[in-house]
């Protein structure tokens, strides 16, 4: 049994742009150490720029849609009704 913990560099910070909305807000994913473990955030454009500068983020390319049932986020959840 492997008991080694994976190394995660908390100094690495990532942003993946989701959408620049017509109302002036920016939807994006933010991750620390591991790009695939992220949170979705929403900030006004200037706040987004400041956030990226102060966190010295690395920008990631947009996600490619795979059509998987497991591929969804808060954005999709707010647009669909659950029963």
Protein backbone atom coordinates (compact mmCIF):
# COMPACT_ATOMS: atom_id res chain seq x y z
CA UNK A 1 0.00 0.00 0.00
CA UNK A 2 1.38 3.39 -1.05
CA UNK A 3 1.21 5.84 1.87
CA UNK A 4 2.97 8.72 0.15
CA UNK A 5 0.91 11.88 -0.14
CA UNK A 6 0.95 13.60 -3.54
CA UNK A 7 2.89 16.83 -3.64
CA UNK A 8 0.75 19.89 -4.36
CA UNK A 9 2.43 23.23 -4.90
CA UNK A 10 0.11 25.77 -3.26
CA UNK A 11 2.09 28.55 -4.93
CA UNK A 12 0.65 27.55 -8.31
CA UNK A 13 -2.68 29.24 -9.02
CA UNK A 14 -4.78 28.73 -12.12
CA UNK A 15 -7.67 30.51 -13.84
CA UNK A 16 -9.83 29.15 -16.64
CA UNK A 17 -12.16 31.72 -18.20
CA UNK A 18 -15.75 30.53 -18.61
CA UNK A 19 -17.47 33.66 -19.93
CA UNK A 20 -17.29 37.43 -20.06
CA UNK A 21 -20.94 38.31 -19.54
CA UNK A 22 -22.79 41.24 -21.14
CA UNK A 23 -23.55 42.64 -17.65
CA UNK A 24 -19.81 43.23 -17.06
CA UNK A 25 -19.14 40.17 -14.89
CA UNK A 26 -16.55 37.48 -15.58
CA UNK A 27 -17.27 33.82 -14.80
CA UNK A 28 -14.16 31.73 -14.22
CA UNK A 29 -12.68 28.70 -12.49
CA UNK A 30 -9.95 29.19 -9.89
CA UNK A 31 -7.63 26.43 -8.67
CA UNK A 32 -4.68 26.21 -6.31
CA UNK A 33 -2.02 23.56 -6.88
CA UNK A 34 -4.15 21.28 -9.08
CA UNK A 35 -6.00 22.75 -12.10
CA UNK A 36 -8.75 20.12 -12.08
CA UNK A 37 -9.78 20.81 -8.48
CA UNK A 38 -11.38 24.22 -8.80
CA UNK A 39 -14.15 26.55 -7.70
CA UNK A 40 -16.34 28.68 -9.94
CA UNK A 41 -16.25 32.40 -9.23
CA UNK A 42 -17.93 35.51 -10.57
CA UNK A 43 -16.38 38.99 -10.36
CA UNK A 44 -16.78 42.34 -12.12
CA UNK A 45 -14.20 42.79 -14.89
CA UNK A 46 -11.89 45.09 -12.89
CA UNK A 47 -12.14 42.82 -9.83
CA UNK A 48 -11.24 39.85 -12.03
CA UNK A 49 -8.13 41.64 -13.34
CA UNK A 50 -7.03 42.57 -9.81
CA UNK A 51 -7.71 39.02 -8.57
CA UNK A 52 -5.54 37.55 -11.34
CA UNK A 53 -2.72 40.03 -10.70
CA UNK A 54 -2.67 39.60 -6.93
CA UNK A 55 -2.70 35.80 -7.22
CA UNK A 56 -0.16 35.67 -10.10
CA UNK A 57 -2.36 33.12 -11.87
CA UNK A 58 -1.54 30.96 -14.83
CA UNK A 59 -4.30 31.04 -17.45
CA UNK A 60 -5.58 27.69 -18.67
CA UNK A 61 -7.20 27.04 -22.06
CA UNK A 62 -11.01 26.70 -22.23
CA UNK A 63 -12.48 23.31 -21.38
CA UNK A 64 -13.48 21.20 -24.33
CA UNK A 65 -16.98 19.78 -24.19
CA UNK A 66 -16.89 15.98 -24.07
CA UNK A 67 -20.61 15.36 -23.71
CA UNK A 68 -20.06 13.42 -20.50
CA UNK A 69 -22.89 13.32 -17.94
CA UNK A 70 -20.23 14.07 -15.32
CA UNK A 71 -19.13 17.27 -17.00
CA UNK A 72 -21.11 20.08 -15.40
CA UNK A 73 -20.65 22.99 -13.08
CA UNK A 74 -22.62 25.55 -11.16
CA UNK A 75 -23.34 27.39 -14.38
CA UNK A 76 -25.18 24.40 -15.86
CA UNK A 77 -26.95 23.66 -12.58
CA UNK A 78 -28.50 27.14 -12.47
CA UNK A 79 -29.94 26.68 -15.95
CA UNK A 80 -31.63 23.35 -15.40
CA UNK A 81 -34.35 22.18 -13.06
CA UNK A 82 -33.81 19.12 -10.91
CA UNK A 83 -36.66 16.85 -9.87
